[in-house]
């Protein structure tokens, strides 16, 4: 695995652990963070 793949795996695993801790409180916070780093309307259709 290259560095990019390792960083993506790490970030996803950390996000899942964060959500599992307190999903009702942490999921909106995580989605706010995702909104900052994704293009406008990126997941709007879902």
PDB file of N, CA and C in Angstrom:
ATOM      1  N   UNK A   1       0.835  -1.182   0.000  1.00  0.00           N
ATOM      2  CA  UNK A   1       0.000   0.000   0.000  1.00  0.00           C
ATOM      3  C   UNK A   1       0.881   1.247   0.000  1.00  0.00           C
ATOM      4  N   UNK A   2       0.440   2.243  -0.710  1.00  0.00           N
ATOM      5  CA  UNK A   2       1.200   3.486  -0.703  1.00  0.00           C
ATOM      6  C   UNK A   2       0.714   4.397   0.429  1.00  0.00           C
ATOM      7  N   UNK A   3       1.368   5.515   0.578  1.00  0.00           N
ATOM      8  CA  UNK A   3       1.069   6.429   1.680  1.00  0.00           C
ATOM      9  C   UNK A   3      -0.365   6.953   1.589  1.00  0.00           C
ATOM     10  N   UNK A   4      -0.803   7.283   0.385  1.00  0.00           N
ATOM     11  CA  UNK A   4      -2.164   7.814   0.219  1.00  0.00           C
ATOM     12  C   UNK A   4      -3.200   6.796   0.693  1.00  0.00           C
ATOM     13  N   UNK A   5      -3.051   5.543   0.303  1.00  0.00           N
ATOM     14  CA  UNK A   5      -3.994   4.499   0.722  1.00  0.00           C
ATOM     15  C   UNK A   5      -3.973   4.321   2.237  1.00  0.00           C
ATOM     16  N   UNK A   6      -2.783   4.347   2.826  1.00  0.00           N
ATOM     17  CA  UNK A   6      -2.669   4.212   4.277  1.00  0.00           C
ATOM     18  C   UNK A   6      -3.359   5.359   5.003  1.00  0.00           C
ATOM     19  N   UNK A   7      -3.196   6.571   4.498  1.00  0.00           N
ATOM     20  CA  UNK A   7      -3.841   7.730   5.131  1.00  0.00           C
ATOM     21  C   UNK A   7      -5.359   7.655   4.999  1.00  0.00           C
ATOM     22  N   UNK A   8      -5.847   7.225   3.853  1.00  0.00           N
ATOM     23  CA  UNK A   8      -7.295   7.091   3.671  1.00  0.00           C
ATOM     24  C   UNK A   8      -7.859   6.033   4.607  1.00  0.00           C
ATOM     25  N   UNK A   9      -7.192   4.901   4.716  1.00  0.00           N
ATOM     26  CA  UNK A   9      -7.649   3.846   5.627  1.00  0.00           C
ATOM     27  C   UNK A   9      -7.654   4.336   7.075  1.00  0.00           C
ATOM     28  N   UNK A  10      -6.607   5.048   7.457  1.00  0.00           N
ATOM     29  CA  UNK A  10      -6.531   5.585   8.808  1.00  0.00           C
ATOM     30  C   UNK A  10      -7.681   6.557   9.081  1.00  0.00           C
ATOM     31  N   UNK A  11      -7.917   7.462   8.139  1.00  0.00           N
ATOM     32  CA  UNK A  11      -8.974   8.458   8.317  1.00  0.00           C
ATOM     33  C   UNK A  11     -10.343   7.805   8.423  1.00  0.00           C
ATOM     34  N   UNK A  12     -10.606   6.816   7.603  1.00  0.00           N
ATOM     35  CA  UNK A  12     -11.904   6.129   7.645  1.00  0.00           C
ATOM     36  C   UNK A  12     -12.066   5.374   8.956  1.00  0.00           C
ATOM     37  N   UNK A  13     -11.024   4.691   9.385  1.00  0.00           N
ATOM     38  CA  UNK A  13     -11.108   3.957  10.651  1.00  0.00           C
ATOM     39  C   UNK A  13     -11.320   4.900  11.826  1.00  0.00           C
ATOM     40  N   UNK A  14     -10.643   6.040  11.833  1.00  0.00           N
ATOM     41  CA  UNK A  14     -10.829   7.013  12.908  1.00  0.00           C
ATOM     42  C   UNK A  14     -12.246   7.579  12.892  1.00  0.00           C
ATOM     43  N   UNK A  15     -12.764   7.857  11.721  1.00  0.00           N
ATOM     44  CA  UNK A  15     -14.129   8.384  11.613  1.00  0.00           C
ATOM     45  C   UNK A  15     -15.142   7.369  12.134  1.00  0.00           C
ATOM     46  N   UNK A  16     -14.957   6.120  11.798  1.00  0.00           N
ATOM     47  CA  UNK A  16     -15.884   5.088  12.280  1.00  0.00           C
ATOM     48  C   UNK A  16     -15.831   4.946  13.791  1.00  0.00           C
ATOM     49  N   UNK A  17     -14.639   4.991  14.371  1.00  0.00           N
ATOM     50  CA  UNK A  17     -14.511   4.925  15.830  1.00  0.00           C
ATOM     51  C   UNK A  17     -15.186   6.128  16.486  1.00  0.00           C
ATOM     52  N   UNK A  18     -15.029   7.294  15.859  1.00  0.00           N
ATOM     53  CA  UNK A  18     -15.632   8.522  16.379  1.00  0.00           C
ATOM     54  C   UNK A  18     -17.147   8.425  16.367  1.00  0.00           C
ATOM     55  N   UNK A  19     -17.702   7.909  15.286  1.00  0.00           N
ATOM     56  CA  UNK A  19     -19.154   7.763  15.180  1.00  0.00           C
ATOM     57  C   UNK A  19     -19.667   6.744  16.185  1.00  0.00           C
ATOM     58  N   UNK A  20     -18.959   5.635  16.337  1.00  0.00           N
ATOM     59  CA  UNK A  20     -19.398   4.584  17.257  1.00  0.00           C
ATOM     60  C   UNK A  20     -19.436   5.066  18.709  1.00  0.00           C
ATOM     61  N   UNK A  21     -18.620   6.041  19.053  1.00  0.00           N
ATOM     62  CA  UNK A  21     -18.568   6.544  20.426  1.00  0.00           C
ATOM     63  C   UNK A  21     -19.878   7.162  20.864  1.00  0.00           C
ATOM     64  N   UNK A  22     -20.464   7.993  20.042  1.00  0.00           N
ATOM     65  CA  UNK A  22     -21.737   8.653  20.344  1.00  0.00           C
ATOM     66  C   UNK A  22     -22.341   9.096  19.013  1.00  0.00           C
ATOM     67  N   UNK A  23     -23.029   8.195  18.314  1.00  0.00           N
ATOM     68  CA  UNK A  23     -23.492   8.493  16.955  1.00  0.00           C
ATOM     69  C   UNK A  23     -24.405   9.713  16.838  1.00  0.00           C
ATOM     70  N   UNK A  24     -25.295   9.912  17.784  1.00  0.00           N
ATOM     71  CA  UNK A  24     -26.244  11.020  17.686  1.00  0.00           C
ATOM     72  C   UNK A  24     -25.542  12.382  17.745  1.00  0.00           C
ATOM     73  N   UNK A  25     -24.495  12.472  18.519  1.00  0.00           N
ATOM     74  CA  UNK A  25     -23.773  13.736  18.648  1.00  0.00           C
ATOM     75  C   UNK A  25     -22.661  13.870  17.608  1.00  0.00           C
ATOM     76  N   UNK A  26     -21.964  12.783  17.315  1.00  0.00           N
ATOM     77  CA  UNK A  26     -20.771  12.858  16.486  1.00  0.00           C
ATOM     78  C   UNK A  26     -21.034  12.802  14.985  1.00  0.00           C
ATOM     79  N   UNK A  27     -22.101  12.183  14.555  1.00  0.00           N
ATOM     80  CA  UNK A  27     -22.373  12.096  13.121  1.00  0.00           C
ATOM     81  C   UNK A  27     -22.587  13.474  12.496  1.00  0.00           C
ATOM     82  N   UNK A  28     -23.386  14.362  13.090  1.00  0.00           N
ATOM     83  CA  UNK A  28     -23.514  15.706  12.505  1.00  0.00           C
ATOM     84  C   UNK A  28     -22.179  16.461  12.457  1.00  0.00           C
ATOM     85  N   UNK A  29     -21.349  16.288  13.485  1.00  0.00           N
ATOM     86  CA  UNK A  29     -20.039  16.940  13.492  1.00  0.00           C
ATOM     87  C   UNK A  29     -19.163  16.402  12.363  1.00  0.00           C
ATOM     88  N   UNK A  30     -19.186  15.101  12.170  1.00  0.00           N
ATOM     89  CA  UNK A  30     -18.384  14.486  11.115  1.00  0.00           C
ATOM     90  C   UNK A  30     -18.875  14.920   9.738  1.00  0.00           C
ATOM     91  N   UNK A  31     -20.178  14.987   9.550  1.00  0.00           N
ATOM     92  CA  UNK A  31     -20.719  15.421   8.258  1.00  0.00           C
ATOM     93  C   UNK A  31     -20.379  16.884   7.986  1.00  0.00           C
ATOM     94  N   UNK A  32     -20.321  17.706   9.017  1.00  0.00           N
ATOM     95  CA  UNK A  32     -19.907  19.095   8.849  1.00  0.00           C
ATOM     96  C   UNK A  32     -18.462  19.162   8.366  1.00  0.00           C
ATOM     97  N   UNK A  33     -17.621  18.308   8.910  1.00  0.00           N
ATOM     98  CA  UNK A  33     -16.228  18.238   8.478  1.00  0.00           C
ATOM     99  C   UNK A  33     -16.129  17.768   7.031  1.00  0.00           C
ATOM    100  N   UNK A  34     -16.914  16.776   6.666  1.00  0.00           N
ATOM    101  CA  UNK A  34     -16.931  16.275   5.291  1.00  0.00           C
ATOM    102  C   UNK A  34     -17.380  17.382   4.339  1.00  0.00           C
ATOM    103  N   UNK A  35     -18.369  18.151   4.742  1.00  0.00           N
ATOM    104  CA  UNK A  35     -18.866  19.252   3.909  1.00  0.00           C
ATOM    105  C   UNK A  35     -17.777  20.268   3.591  1.00  0.00           C
ATOM    106  N   UNK A  36     -16.873  20.484   4.529  1.00  0.00           N
ATOM    107  CA  UNK A  36     -15.803  21.461   4.301  1.00  0.00           C
ATOM    108  C   UNK A  36     -14.802  20.998   3.246  1.00  0.00           C
ATOM    109  N   UNK A  37     -14.628  19.683   3.088  1.00  0.00           N
ATOM    110  CA  UNK A  37     -13.585  19.164   2.215  1.00  0.00           C
ATOM    111  C   UNK A  37     -14.088  18.560   0.910  1.00  0.00           C
ATOM    112  N   UNK A  38     -15.385  18.567   0.681  1.00  0.00           N
ATOM    113  CA  UNK A  38     -15.922  18.011  -0.560  1.00  0.00           C
ATOM    114  C   UNK A  38     -16.501  19.127  -1.421  1.00  0.00           C
ATOM    115  N   UNK A  39     -16.538  18.907  -2.734  1.00  0.00           N
ATOM    116  CA  UNK A  39     -17.116  19.924  -3.622  1.00  0.00           C
ATOM    117  C   UNK A  39     -18.605  20.129  -3.335  1.00  0.00           C
ATOM    118  N   UNK A  40     -19.094  21.294  -3.656  1.00  0.00           N
ATOM    119  CA  UNK A  40     -20.506  21.640  -3.456  1.00  0.00           C
ATOM    120  C   UNK A  40     -21.412  20.638  -4.178  1.00  0.00           C
ATOM    121  N   UNK A  41     -22.400  20.096  -3.468  1.00  0.00           N
ATOM    122  CA  UNK A  41     -23.362  19.175  -4.069  1.00  0.00           C
ATOM    123  C   UNK A  41     -22.814  17.793  -4.357  1.00  0.00           C
ATOM    124  N   UNK A  42     -21.697  17.425  -3.758  1.00  0.00           N
ATOM    125  CA  UNK A  42     -21.032  16.157  -4.057  1.00  0.00           C
ATOM    126  C   UNK A  42     -21.890  14.937  -3.727  1.00  0.00           C
ATOM    127  N   UNK A  43     -22.598  14.945  -2.626  1.00  0.00           N
ATOM    128  CA  UNK A  43     -23.424  13.806  -2.247  1.00  0.00           C
ATOM    129  C   UNK A  43     -24.901  14.191  -2.123  1.00  0.00           C
ATOM    130  N   UNK A  44     -25.295  15.225  -2.780  1.00  0.00           N
ATOM    131  CA  UNK A  44     -26.648  15.763  -2.684  1.00  0.00           C
ATOM    132  C   UNK A  44     -27.703  14.767  -3.158  1.00  0.00           C
ATOM    133  N   UNK A  45     -27.406  13.996  -4.207  1.00  0.00           N
ATOM    134  CA  UNK A  45     -28.412  13.094  -4.770  1.00  0.00           C
ATOM    135  C   UNK A  45     -28.715  11.915  -3.851  1.00  0.00           C
ATOM    136  N   UNK A  46     -27.846  11.638  -2.885  1.00  0.00           N
ATOM    137  CA  UNK A  46     -28.113  10.539  -1.978  1.00  0.00           C
ATOM    138  C   UNK A  46     -28.988  11.034  -0.886  1.00  0.00           C
TER     139      UNK A  46
END
